[in-house]
Structure formats: C-alpha cells, structure tokens
Amino acid sequence: LTIVLMQTVVTFPLVTLVLYSGLVGLEPAVEEAGLDLGSSQVGVL
C-alpha cells in the first residue's frame, strides 16, 4: 500500500502533463455544443 501511494505521488504528475498537452488542444466549443444538445457533463467526457 505504501509503495502504491508513494509511486503514485511521483507518477501521476507526469500523466497529468501528458494528458494536459492533449486536452489543451481540444476546442471547448465542441463540449459546450454537446451540453447545449442535452448531453450531461459525463456524456460529453
């Protein structure tokens, strides 16, 4: 358990940066359009 916790501390920031670099290029207007058409936030995701 302690191994998992501490490895997550040093691993998930790297994952965050990788996914952020992919997310920052997505157009928020597409998500807003999905919400306007009746989808939930989870559905948009």
PDB file of all heavy atoms in Angstrom:
ATOM      1  N   LEU A   1       0.822  -1.207   0.000  1.00  0.00           N
ATOM      2  CA  LEU A   1       0.000   0.000   0.000  1.00  0.00           C
ATOM      3  C   LEU A   1       0.858   1.260   0.000  1.00  0.00           C
ATOM      4  O   LEU A   1       0.606   2.195  -0.772  1.00  0.00           O
ATOM      5  CB  LEU A   1      -0.933   0.012   1.204  1.00  0.00           C
ATOM      6  CG  LEU A   1      -1.779   1.281   1.387  1.00  0.00           C
ATOM      7  CD1 LEU A   1      -2.683   1.497   0.186  1.00  0.00           C
ATOM      8  CD2 LEU A   1      -2.583   1.215   2.683  1.00  0.00           C
ATOM      9  N   THR A   2       1.872   1.314   0.853  1.00  0.00           N
ATOM     10  CA  THR A   2       2.736   2.492   0.909  1.00  0.00           C
ATOM     11  C   THR A   2       3.533   2.646  -0.385  1.00  0.00           C
ATOM     12  O   THR A   2       3.801   3.769  -0.832  1.00  0.00           O
ATOM     13  CB  THR A   2       3.693   2.415   2.111  1.00  0.00           C
ATOM     14  OG1 THR A   2       4.485   1.219   2.016  1.00  0.00           O
ATOM     15  CG2 THR A   2       2.918   2.395   3.419  1.00  0.00           C
ATOM     16  N   ILE A   3       3.908   1.519  -1.002  1.00  0.00           N
ATOM     17  CA  ILE A   3       4.610   1.582  -2.288  1.00  0.00           C
ATOM     18  C   ILE A   3       3.707   2.215  -3.342  1.00  0.00           C
ATOM     19  O   ILE A   3       4.115   3.103  -4.088  1.00  0.00           O
ATOM     20  CB  ILE A   3       5.061   0.182  -2.741  1.00  0.00           C
ATOM     21  CG1 ILE A   3       6.093  -0.398  -1.772  1.00  0.00           C
ATOM     22  CG2 ILE A   3       5.653   0.247  -4.152  1.00  0.00           C
ATOM     23  CD1 ILE A   3       6.488  -1.834  -2.094  1.00  0.00           C
ATOM     24  N   VAL A   4       2.451   1.756  -3.382  1.00  0.00           N
ATOM     25  CA  VAL A   4       1.497   2.289  -4.363  1.00  0.00           C
ATOM     26  C   VAL A   4       1.279   3.778  -4.138  1.00  0.00           C
ATOM     27  O   VAL A   4       1.285   4.573  -5.097  1.00  0.00           O
ATOM     28  CB  VAL A   4       0.159   1.531  -4.263  1.00  0.00           C
ATOM     29  CG1 VAL A   4      -0.928   2.249  -5.062  1.00  0.00           C
ATOM     30  CG2 VAL A   4       0.323   0.099  -4.765  1.00  0.00           C
ATOM     31  N   LEU A   5       1.107   4.186  -2.893  1.00  0.00           N
ATOM     32  CA  LEU A   5       0.844   5.595  -2.597  1.00  0.00           C
ATOM     33  C   LEU A   5       2.008   6.482  -3.032  1.00  0.00           C
ATOM     34  O   LEU A   5       1.812   7.514  -3.692  1.00  0.00           O
ATOM     35  CB  LEU A   5       0.574   5.778  -1.101  1.00  0.00           C
ATOM     36  CG  LEU A   5      -0.734   5.196  -0.575  1.00  0.00           C
ATOM     37  CD1 LEU A   5      -0.807   5.329   0.941  1.00  0.00           C
ATOM     38  CD2 LEU A   5      -1.933   5.887  -1.220  1.00  0.00           C
ATOM     39  N   MET A   6       3.235   6.095  -2.681  1.00  0.00           N
ATOM     40  CA  MET A   6       4.380   6.942  -2.991  1.00  0.00           C
ATOM     41  C   MET A   6       4.747   6.908  -4.473  1.00  0.00           C
ATOM     42  O   MET A   6       5.197   7.905  -5.036  1.00  0.00           O
ATOM     43  CB  MET A   6       5.583   6.541  -2.134  1.00  0.00           C
ATOM     44  CG  MET A   6       5.414   6.841  -0.651  1.00  0.00           C
ATOM     45  SD  MET A   6       4.941   8.556  -0.323  1.00  0.00           S
ATOM     46  CE  MET A   6       6.340   9.444  -0.996  1.00  0.00           C
ATOM     47  N   GLN A   7       4.553   5.757  -5.124  1.00  0.00           N
ATOM     48  CA  GLN A   7       4.807   5.716  -6.561  1.00  0.00           C
ATOM     49  C   GLN A   7       3.782   6.561  -7.313  1.00  0.00           C
ATOM     50  O   GLN A   7       4.110   7.195  -8.325  1.00  0.00           O
ATOM     51  CB  GLN A   7       4.781   4.277  -7.074  1.00  0.00           C
ATOM     52  CG  GLN A   7       6.022   3.485  -6.741  1.00  0.00           C
ATOM     53  CD  GLN A   7       6.161   2.232  -7.585  1.00  0.00           C
ATOM     54  OE1 GLN A   7       5.412   2.020  -8.541  1.00  0.00           O
ATOM     55  NE2 GLN A   7       7.112   1.399  -7.247  1.00  0.00           N
ATOM     56  N   THR A   8       2.556   6.585  -6.812  1.00  0.00           N
ATOM     57  CA  THR A   8       1.537   7.428  -7.439  1.00  0.00           C
ATOM     58  C   THR A   8       1.906   8.899  -7.305  1.00  0.00           C
ATOM     59  O   THR A   8       1.661   9.698  -8.224  1.00  0.00           O
ATOM     60  CB  THR A   8       0.164   7.169  -6.801  1.00  0.00           C
ATOM     61  OG1 THR A   8      -0.175   5.785  -6.947  1.00  0.00           O
ATOM     62  CG2 THR A   8      -0.918   8.021  -7.455  1.00  0.00           C
ATOM     63  N   VAL A   9       2.503   9.266  -6.181  1.00  0.00           N
ATOM     64  CA  VAL A   9       2.907  10.653  -5.953  1.00  0.00           C
ATOM     65  C   VAL A   9       3.860  11.128  -7.056  1.00  0.00           C
ATOM     66  O   VAL A   9       3.765  12.268  -7.521  1.00  0.00           O
ATOM     67  CB  VAL A   9       3.576  10.800  -4.565  1.00  0.00           C
ATOM     68  CG1 VAL A   9       4.282  12.144  -4.436  1.00  0.00           C
ATOM     69  CG2 VAL A   9       2.529  10.660  -3.467  1.00  0.00           C
ATOM     70  N   VAL A  10       4.768  10.259  -7.488  1.00  0.00           N
ATOM     71  CA  VAL A  10       5.768  10.677  -8.473  1.00  0.00           C
ATOM     72  C   VAL A  10       5.365  10.330  -9.904  1.00  0.00           C
ATOM     73  O   VAL A  10       6.034  10.757 -10.849  1.00  0.00           O
ATOM     74  CB  VAL A  10       7.145  10.034  -8.169  1.00  0.00           C
ATOM     75  CG1 VAL A  10       7.656  10.478  -6.816  1.00  0.00           C
ATOM     76  CG2 VAL A  10       7.061   8.513  -8.217  1.00  0.00           C
ATOM     77  N   THR A  11       4.276   9.569 -10.072  1.00  0.00           N
ATOM     78  CA  THR A  11       3.883   9.128 -11.407  1.00  0.00           C
ATOM     79  C   THR A  11       2.728   9.936 -11.977  1.00  0.00           C
ATOM     80  O   THR A  11       2.755  10.342 -13.146  1.00  0.00           O
ATOM     81  CB  THR A  11       3.495   7.635 -11.387  1.00  0.00           C
ATOM     82  OG1 THR A  11       4.604   6.867 -10.927  1.00  0.00           O
ATOM     83  CG2 THR A  11       3.104   7.161 -12.781  1.00  0.00           C
ATOM     84  N   PHE A  12       1.703  10.208 -11.163  1.00  0.00           N
ATOM     85  CA  PHE A  12       0.523  10.854 -11.724  1.00  0.00           C
ATOM     86  C   PHE A  12       0.787  12.288 -12.206  1.00  0.00           C
ATOM     87  O   PHE A  12       0.101  12.740 -13.142  1.00  0.00           O
ATOM     88  CB  PHE A  12      -0.647  10.785 -10.736  1.00  0.00           C
ATOM     89  CG  PHE A  12      -1.003  12.062 -10.049  1.00  0.00           C
ATOM     90  CD1 PHE A  12      -1.878  12.959 -10.652  1.00  0.00           C
ATOM     91  CD2 PHE A  12      -0.483  12.378  -8.807  1.00  0.00           C
ATOM     92  CE1 PHE A  12      -2.235  14.137 -10.020  1.00  0.00           C
ATOM     93  CE2 PHE A  12      -0.829  13.550  -8.175  1.00  0.00           C
ATOM     94  CZ  PHE A  12      -1.704  14.439  -8.790  1.00  0.00           C
ATOM     95  N   PRO A  13       1.755  13.055 -11.654  1.00  0.00           N
ATOM     96  CA  PRO A  13       2.037  14.373 -12.255  1.00  0.00           C
ATOM     97  C   PRO A  13       2.503  14.270 -13.701  1.00  0.00           C
ATOM     98  O   PRO A  13       2.140  15.110 -14.532  1.00  0.00           O
ATOM     99  CB  PRO A  13       3.126  14.944 -11.346  1.00  0.00           C
ATOM    100  CG  PRO A  13       2.915  14.266 -10.035  1.00  0.00           C
ATOM    101  CD  PRO A  13       2.493  12.878 -10.386  1.00  0.00           C
ATOM    102  N   LEU A  14       3.306  13.241 -14.001  1.00  0.00           N
ATOM    103  CA  LEU A  14       3.748  13.041 -15.387  1.00  0.00           C
ATOM    104  C   LEU A  14       2.558  12.717 -16.280  1.00  0.00           C
ATOM    105  O   LEU A  14       2.432  13.247 -17.396  1.00  0.00           O
ATOM    106  CB  LEU A  14       4.784  11.922 -15.451  1.00  0.00           C
ATOM    107  CG  LEU A  14       5.239  11.505 -16.852  1.00  0.00           C
ATOM    108  CD1 LEU A  14       5.909  12.669 -17.561  1.00  0.00           C
ATOM    109  CD2 LEU A  14       6.179  10.311 -16.785  1.00  0.00           C
ATOM    110  N   VAL A  15       1.668  11.857 -15.786  1.00  0.00           N
ATOM    111  CA  VAL A  15       0.459  11.519 -16.538  1.00  0.00           C
ATOM    112  C   VAL A  15      -0.391  12.775 -16.762  1.00  0.00           C
ATOM    113  O   VAL A  15      -0.946  12.984 -17.846  1.00  0.00           O
ATOM    114  CB  VAL A  15      -0.346  10.437 -15.802  1.00  0.00           C
ATOM    115  CG1 VAL A  15      -1.673  10.179 -16.500  1.00  0.00           C
ATOM    116  CG2 VAL A  15       0.461   9.146 -15.714  1.00  0.00           C
ATOM    117  N   THR A  16      -0.483  13.598 -15.733  1.00  0.00           N
ATOM    118  CA  THR A  16      -1.258  14.840 -15.850  1.00  0.00           C
ATOM    119  C   THR A  16      -0.714  15.727 -16.964  1.00  0.00           C
ATOM    120  O   THR A  16      -1.475  16.266 -17.773  1.00  0.00           O
ATOM    121  CB  THR A  16      -1.230  15.610 -14.517  1.00  0.00           C
ATOM    122  OG1 THR A  16      -1.835  14.813 -13.492  1.00  0.00           O
ATOM    123  CG2 THR A  16      -1.982  16.930 -14.625  1.00  0.00           C
ATOM    124  N   LEU A  17       0.596  15.883 -17.025  1.00  0.00           N
ATOM    125  CA  LEU A  17       1.206  16.734 -18.052  1.00  0.00           C
ATOM    126  C   LEU A  17       0.977  16.182 -19.457  1.00  0.00           C
ATOM    127  O   LEU A  17       0.720  16.934 -20.399  1.00  0.00           O
ATOM    128  CB  LEU A  17       2.700  16.894 -17.780  1.00  0.00           C
ATOM    129  CG  LEU A  17       3.077  17.644 -16.500  1.00  0.00           C
ATOM    130  CD1 LEU A  17       4.589  17.709 -16.347  1.00  0.00           C
ATOM    131  CD2 LEU A  17       2.483  19.039 -16.489  1.00  0.00           C
ATOM    132  N   VAL A  18       1.078  14.847 -19.591  1.00  0.00           N
ATOM    133  CA  VAL A  18       0.859  14.237 -20.901  1.00  0.00           C
ATOM    134  C   VAL A  18      -0.584  14.438 -21.355  1.00  0.00           C
ATOM    135  O   VAL A  18      -0.846  14.826 -22.502  1.00  0.00           O
ATOM    136  CB  VAL A  18       1.200  12.732 -20.855  1.00  0.00           C
ATOM    137  CG1 VAL A  18       0.805  12.060 -22.167  1.00  0.00           C
ATOM    138  CG2 VAL A  18       2.688  12.525 -20.599  1.00  0.00           C
ATOM    139  N   LEU A  19      -1.537  14.201 -20.445  1.00  0.00           N
ATOM    140  CA  LEU A  19      -2.944  14.343 -20.808  1.00  0.00           C
ATOM    141  C   LEU A  19      -3.328  15.811 -20.980  1.00  0.00           C
ATOM    142  O   LEU A  19      -4.168  16.143 -21.828  1.00  0.00           O
ATOM    143  CB  LEU A  19      -3.823  13.686 -19.747  1.00  0.00           C
ATOM    144  CG  LEU A  19      -3.690  12.154 -19.662  1.00  0.00           C
ATOM    145  CD1 LEU A  19      -4.575  11.597 -18.568  1.00  0.00           C
ATOM    146  CD2 LEU A  19      -4.041  11.511 -20.995  1.00  0.00           C
ATOM    147  N   TYR A  20      -2.721  16.672 -20.189  1.00  0.00           N
ATOM    148  CA  TYR A  20      -2.991  18.110 -20.337  1.00  0.00           C
ATOM    149  C   TYR A  20      -2.580  18.596 -21.715  1.00  0.00           C
ATOM    150  O   TYR A  20      -3.289  19.400 -22.348  1.00  0.00           O
ATOM    151  CB  TYR A  20      -2.251  18.890 -19.250  1.00  0.00           C
ATOM    152  CG  TYR A  20      -2.239  20.386 -19.481  1.00  0.00           C
ATOM    153  CD1 TYR A  20      -3.356  21.167 -19.185  1.00  0.00           C
ATOM    154  CD2 TYR A  20      -1.112  21.015 -20.012  1.00  0.00           C
ATOM    155  CE1 TYR A  20      -3.351  22.540 -19.407  1.00  0.00           C
ATOM    156  CE2 TYR A  20      -1.103  22.372 -20.237  1.00  0.00           C
ATOM    157  CZ  TYR A  20      -2.215  23.142 -19.933  1.00  0.00           C
ATOM    158  OH  TYR A  20      -2.211  24.483 -20.159  1.00  0.00           O
ATOM    159  N   SER A  21      -1.448  18.106 -22.196  1.00  0.00           N
ATOM    160  CA  SER A  21      -0.974  18.524 -23.521  1.00  0.00           C
ATOM    161  C   SER A  21      -1.948  18.091 -24.615  1.00  0.00           C
ATOM    162  O   SER A  21      -2.059  18.747 -25.654  1.00  0.00           O
ATOM    163  CB  SER A  21       0.411  17.944 -23.802  1.00  0.00           C
ATOM    164  OG  SER A  21       0.358  16.527 -23.865  1.00  0.00           O
ATOM    165  N   GLY A  22      -2.668  16.967 -24.384  1.00  0.00           N
ATOM    166  CA  GLY A  22      -3.673  16.551 -25.347  1.00  0.00           C
ATOM    167  C   GLY A  22      -4.977  17.304 -25.185  1.00  0.00           C
ATOM    168  O   GLY A  22      -5.659  17.615 -26.168  1.00  0.00           O
ATOM    169  N   LEU A  23      -5.318  17.620 -23.930  1.00  0.00           N
ATOM    170  CA  LEU A  23      -6.584  18.306 -23.662  1.00  0.00           C
ATOM    171  C   LEU A  23      -6.553  19.766 -24.065  1.00  0.00           C
ATOM    172  O   LEU A  23      -7.569  20.325 -24.490  1.00  0.00           O
ATOM    173  CB  LEU A  23      -6.913  18.197 -22.166  1.00  0.00           C
ATOM    174  CG  LEU A  23      -7.451  16.848 -21.688  1.00  0.00           C
ATOM    175  CD1 LEU A  23      -7.284  16.711 -20.187  1.00  0.00           C
ATOM    176  CD2 LEU A  23      -8.915  16.703 -22.068  1.00  0.00           C
ATOM    177  N   VAL A  24      -5.410  20.415 -23.922  1.00  0.00           N
ATOM    178  CA  VAL A  24      -5.333  21.850 -24.179  1.00  0.00           C
ATOM    179  C   VAL A  24      -5.580  22.170 -25.660  1.00  0.00           C
ATOM    180  O   VAL A  24      -5.955  23.292 -26.004  1.00  0.00           O
ATOM    181  CB  VAL A  24      -3.961  22.400 -23.718  1.00  0.00           C
ATOM    182  CG1 VAL A  24      -2.862  22.013 -24.698  1.00  0.00           C
ATOM    183  CG2 VAL A  24      -4.020  23.903 -23.527  1.00  0.00           C
ATOM    184  N   GLY A  25      -5.407  21.174 -26.521  1.00  0.00           N
ATOM    185  CA  GLY A  25      -5.633  21.399 -27.937  1.00  0.00           C
ATOM    186  C   GLY A  25      -7.061  21.142 -28.384  1.00  0.00           C
ATOM    187  O   GLY A  25      -7.406  21.396 -29.545  1.00  0.00           O
ATOM    188  N   LEU A  26      -7.902  20.637 -27.472  1.00  0.00           N
ATOM    189  CA  LEU A  26      -9.297  20.377 -27.826  1.00  0.00           C
ATOM    190  C   LEU A  26     -10.123  21.654 -27.708  1.00  0.00           C
ATOM    191  O   LEU A  26      -9.942  22.435 -26.779  1.00  0.00           O
ATOM    192  CB  LEU A  26      -9.880  19.291 -26.906  1.00  0.00           C
ATOM    193  CG  LEU A  26      -9.141  17.949 -26.898  1.00  0.00           C
ATOM    194  CD1 LEU A  26      -9.877  16.961 -26.009  1.00  0.00           C
ATOM    195  CD2 LEU A  26      -9.008  17.398 -28.308  1.00  0.00           C
ATOM    196  N   GLU A  27     -11.025  21.832 -28.619  1.00  0.00           N
ATOM    197  CA  GLU A  27     -11.833  23.040 -28.666  1.00  0.00           C
ATOM    198  C   GLU A  27     -12.972  22.966 -27.644  1.00  0.00           C
ATOM    199  O   GLU A  27     -13.839  22.094 -27.738  1.00  0.00           O
ATOM    200  CB  GLU A  27     -12.409  23.219 -30.065  1.00  0.00           C
ATOM    201  CG  GLU A  27     -13.231  24.471 -30.235  1.00  0.00           C
ATOM    202  CD  GLU A  27     -12.462  25.723 -29.865  1.00  0.00           C
ATOM    203  OE1 GLU A  27     -11.376  25.934 -30.426  1.00  0.00           O
ATOM    204  OE2 GLU A  27     -12.957  26.476 -29.004  1.00  0.00           O
ATOM    205  N   PRO A  28     -12.986  23.860 -26.637  1.00  0.00           N
ATOM    206  CA  PRO A  28     -14.065  23.838 -25.640  1.00  0.00           C
ATOM    207  C   PRO A  28     -15.446  24.046 -26.243  1.00  0.00           C
ATOM    208  O   PRO A  28     -16.449  23.599 -25.682  1.00  0.00           O
ATOM    209  CB  PRO A  28     -13.697  25.001 -24.706  1.00  0.00           C
ATOM    210  CG  PRO A  28     -12.233  25.214 -24.898  1.00  0.00           C
ATOM    211  CD  PRO A  28     -11.976  24.871 -26.334  1.00  0.00           C
ATOM    212  N   ALA A  29     -15.538  24.715 -27.395  1.00  0.00           N
ATOM    213  CA  ALA A  29     -16.835  24.975 -28.019  1.00  0.00           C
ATOM    214  C   ALA A  29     -17.547  23.679 -28.388  1.00  0.00           C
ATOM    215  O   ALA A  29     -18.785  23.613 -28.371  1.00  0.00           O
ATOM    216  CB  ALA A  29     -16.650  25.844 -29.261  1.00  0.00           C
ATOM    217  N   VAL A  30     -16.771  22.638 -28.715  1.00  0.00           N
ATOM    218  CA  VAL A  30     -17.378  21.349 -29.048  1.00  0.00           C
ATOM    219  C   VAL A  30     -18.082  20.766 -27.825  1.00  0.00           C
ATOM    220  O   VAL A  30     -19.199  20.237 -27.925  1.00  0.00           O
ATOM    221  CB  VAL A  30     -16.314  20.372 -29.584  1.00  0.00           C
ATOM    222  CG1 VAL A  30     -16.911  18.995 -29.846  1.00  0.00           C
ATOM    223  CG2 VAL A  30     -15.670  20.928 -30.842  1.00  0.00           C
ATOM    224  N   GLU A  31     -17.441  20.895 -26.659  1.00  0.00           N
ATOM    225  CA  GLU A  31     -18.060  20.404 -25.427  1.00  0.00           C
ATOM    226  C   GLU A  31     -19.296  21.225 -25.072  1.00  0.00           C
ATOM    227  O   GLU A  31     -20.318  20.681 -24.636  1.00  0.00           O
ATOM    228  CB  GLU A  31     -17.035  20.457 -24.291  1.00  0.00           C
ATOM    229  CG  GLU A  31     -15.785  19.618 -24.553  1.00  0.00           C
ATOM    230  CD  GLU A  31     -14.704  19.860 -23.521  1.00  0.00           C
ATOM    231  OE1 GLU A  31     -15.057  20.063 -22.342  1.00  0.00           O
ATOM    232  OE2 GLU A  31     -13.517  19.852 -23.896  1.00  0.00           O
ATOM    233  N   GLU A  32     -19.216  22.524 -25.273  1.00  0.00           N
ATOM    234  CA  GLU A  32     -20.367  23.386 -24.996  1.00  0.00           C
ATOM    235  C   GLU A  32     -21.536  23.045 -25.914  1.00  0.00           C
ATOM    236  O   GLU A  32     -22.697  23.050 -25.489  1.00  0.00           O
ATOM    237  CB  GLU A  32     -19.965  24.850 -25.168  1.00  0.00           C
ATOM    238  CG  GLU A  32     -18.922  25.317 -24.161  1.00  0.00           C
ATOM    239  CD  GLU A  32     -18.384  26.702 -24.487  1.00  0.00           C
ATOM    240  OE1 GLU A  32     -18.863  27.288 -25.482  1.00  0.00           O
ATOM    241  OE2 GLU A  32     -17.485  27.183 -23.764  1.00  0.00           O
ATOM    242  N   ALA A  33     -21.222  22.707 -27.159  1.00  0.00           N
ATOM    243  CA  ALA A  33     -22.283  22.307 -28.100  1.00  0.00           C
ATOM    244  C   ALA A  33     -22.946  21.011 -27.637  1.00  0.00           C
ATOM    245  O   ALA A  33     -24.171  20.854 -27.727  1.00  0.00           O
ATOM    246  CB  ALA A  33     -21.703  22.137 -29.497  1.00  0.00           C
ATOM    247  N   GLY A  34     -22.137  20.081 -27.134  1.00  0.00           N
ATOM    248  CA  GLY A  34     -22.687  18.834 -26.626  1.00  0.00           C
ATOM    249  C   GLY A  34     -23.620  19.063 -25.451  1.00  0.00           C
ATOM    250  O   GLY A  34     -24.680  18.440 -25.346  1.00  0.00           O
ATOM    251  N   LEU A  35     -23.242  19.977 -24.574  1.00  0.00           N
ATOM    252  CA  LEU A  35     -24.098  20.306 -23.422  1.00  0.00           C
ATOM    253  C   LEU A  35     -25.384  20.986 -23.895  1.00  0.00           C
ATOM    254  O   LEU A  35     -26.471  20.708 -23.352  1.00  0.00           O
ATOM    255  CB  LEU A  35     -23.334  21.200 -22.447  1.00  0.00           C
ATOM    256  CG  LEU A  35     -22.128  20.569 -21.743  1.00  0.00           C
ATOM    257  CD1 LEU A  35     -21.371  21.620 -20.930  1.00  0.00           C
ATOM    258  CD2 LEU A  35     -22.565  19.431 -20.827  1.00  0.00           C
ATOM    259  N   ASP A  36     -25.257  21.866 -24.878  1.00  0.00           N
ATOM    260  CA  ASP A  36     -26.440  22.555 -25.399  1.00  0.00           C
ATOM    261  C   ASP A  36     -27.419  21.584 -26.050  1.00  0.00           C
ATOM    262  O   ASP A  36     -28.636  21.815 -26.066  1.00  0.00           O
ATOM    263  CB  ASP A  36     -26.029  23.623 -26.411  1.00  0.00           C
ATOM    264  CG  ASP A  36     -25.307  24.790 -25.744  1.00  0.00           C
ATOM    265  OD1 ASP A  36     -25.470  24.947 -24.516  1.00  0.00           O
ATOM    266  OD2 ASP A  36     -24.576  25.506 -26.443  1.00  0.00           O
ATOM    267  N   LEU A  37     -26.896  20.475 -26.597  1.00  0.00           N
ATOM    268  CA  LEU A  37     -27.752  19.494 -27.262  1.00  0.00           C
ATOM    269  C   LEU A  37     -28.334  18.477 -26.287  1.00  0.00           C
ATOM    270  O   LEU A  37     -28.953  17.498 -26.712  1.00  0.00           O
ATOM    271  CB  LEU A  37     -26.954  18.771 -28.352  1.00  0.00           C
ATOM    272  CG  LEU A  37     -26.564  19.649 -29.555  1.00  0.00           C
ATOM    273  CD1 LEU A  37     -25.638  18.902 -30.496  1.00  0.00           C
ATOM    274  CD2 LEU A  37     -27.806  20.120 -30.299  1.00  0.00           C
ATOM    275  N   GLY A  38     -28.125  18.692 -24.988  1.00  0.00           N
ATOM    276  CA  GLY A  38     -28.784  17.858 -23.992  1.00  0.00           C
ATOM    277  C   GLY A  38     -27.921  16.802 -23.336  1.00  0.00           C
ATOM    278  O   GLY A  38     -28.409  16.051 -22.485  1.00  0.00           O
ATOM    279  N   SER A  39     -26.643  16.718 -23.691  1.00  0.00           N
ATOM    280  CA  SER A  39     -25.780  15.725 -23.066  1.00  0.00           C
ATOM    281  C   SER A  39     -25.347  16.192 -21.681  1.00  0.00           C
ATOM    282  O   SER A  39     -25.248  17.390 -21.415  1.00  0.00           O
ATOM    283  CB  SER A  39     -24.545  15.478 -23.939  1.00  0.00           C
ATOM    284  OG  SER A  39     -23.670  14.551 -23.324  1.00  0.00           O
ATOM    285  N   SER A  40     -25.097  15.235 -20.807  1.00  0.00           N
ATOM    286  CA  SER A  40     -24.576  15.561 -19.481  1.00  0.00           C
ATOM    287  C   SER A  40     -23.077  15.802 -19.574  1.00  0.00           C
ATOM    288  O   SER A  40     -22.443  15.504 -20.591  1.00  0.00           O
ATOM    289  CB  SER A  40     -24.854  14.426 -18.505  1.00  0.00           C
ATOM    290  OG  SER A  40     -24.157  13.251 -18.894  1.00  0.00           O
ATOM    291  N   GLN A  41     -22.486  16.323 -18.488  1.00  0.00           N
ATOM    292  CA  GLN A  41     -21.042  16.549 -18.464  1.00  0.00           C
ATOM    293  C   GLN A  41     -20.285  15.232 -18.611  1.00  0.00           C
ATOM    294  O   GLN A  41     -19.261  15.156 -19.293  1.00  0.00           O
ATOM    295  CB  GLN A  41     -20.644  17.239 -17.158  1.00  0.00           C
ATOM    296  CG  GLN A  41     -19.192  17.690 -17.111  1.00  0.00           C
ATOM    297  CD  GLN A  41     -18.920  18.835 -18.072  1.00  0.00           C
ATOM    298  OE1 GLN A  41     -19.614  19.830 -18.074  1.00  0.00           O
ATOM    299  NE2 GLN A  41     -17.908  18.679 -18.914  1.00  0.00           N
ATOM    300  N   VAL A  42     -20.812  14.173 -17.962  1.00  0.00           N
ATOM    301  CA  VAL A  42     -20.190  12.851 -18.085  1.00  0.00           C
ATOM    302  C   VAL A  42     -20.298  12.348 -19.519  1.00  0.00           C
ATOM    303  O   VAL A  42     -19.355  11.762 -20.064  1.00  0.00           O
ATOM    304  CB  VAL A  42     -20.847  11.853 -17.105  1.00  0.00           C
ATOM    305  CG1 VAL A  42     -20.282  10.449 -17.324  1.00  0.00           C
ATOM    306  CG2 VAL A  42     -20.622  12.295 -15.669  1.00  0.00           C
ATOM    307  N   GLY A  43     -21.455  12.576 -20.139  1.00  0.00           N
ATOM    308  CA  GLY A  43     -21.628  12.151 -21.522  1.00  0.00           C
ATOM    309  C   GLY A  43     -20.679  12.859 -22.465  1.00  0.00           C
ATOM    310  O   GLY A  43     -20.136  12.252 -23.395  1.00  0.00           O
ATOM    311  N   VAL A  44     -20.474  14.153 -22.239  1.00  0.00           N
ATOM    312  CA  VAL A  44     -19.525  14.910 -23.053  1.00  0.00           C
ATOM    313  C   VAL A  44     -18.121  14.343 -22.891  1.00  0.00           C
ATOM    314  O   VAL A  44     -17.374  14.187 -23.869  1.00  0.00           O
ATOM    315  CB  VAL A  44     -19.555  16.404 -22.663  1.00  0.00           C
ATOM    316  CG1 VAL A  44     -18.377  17.146 -23.288  1.00  0.00           C
ATOM    317  CG2 VAL A  44     -20.868  17.034 -23.101  1.00  0.00           C
ATOM    318  N   LEU A  45     -17.763  14.020 -21.653  1.00  0.00           N
ATOM    319  CA  LEU A  45     -16.426  13.478 -21.383  1.00  0.00           C
ATOM    320  C   LEU A  45     -16.231  12.139 -22.095  1.00  0.00           C
ATOM    321  O   LEU A  45     -15.194  11.893 -22.707  1.00  0.00           O
ATOM    322  CB  LEU A  45     -16.219  13.320 -19.881  1.00  0.00           C
ATOM    323  CG  LEU A  45     -14.865  12.770 -19.429  1.00  0.00           C
ATOM    324  CD1 LEU A  45     -13.743  13.730 -19.796  1.00  0.00           C
ATOM    325  CD2 LEU A  45     -14.858  12.521 -17.925  1.00  0.00           C
TER     326      LEU A  45
END
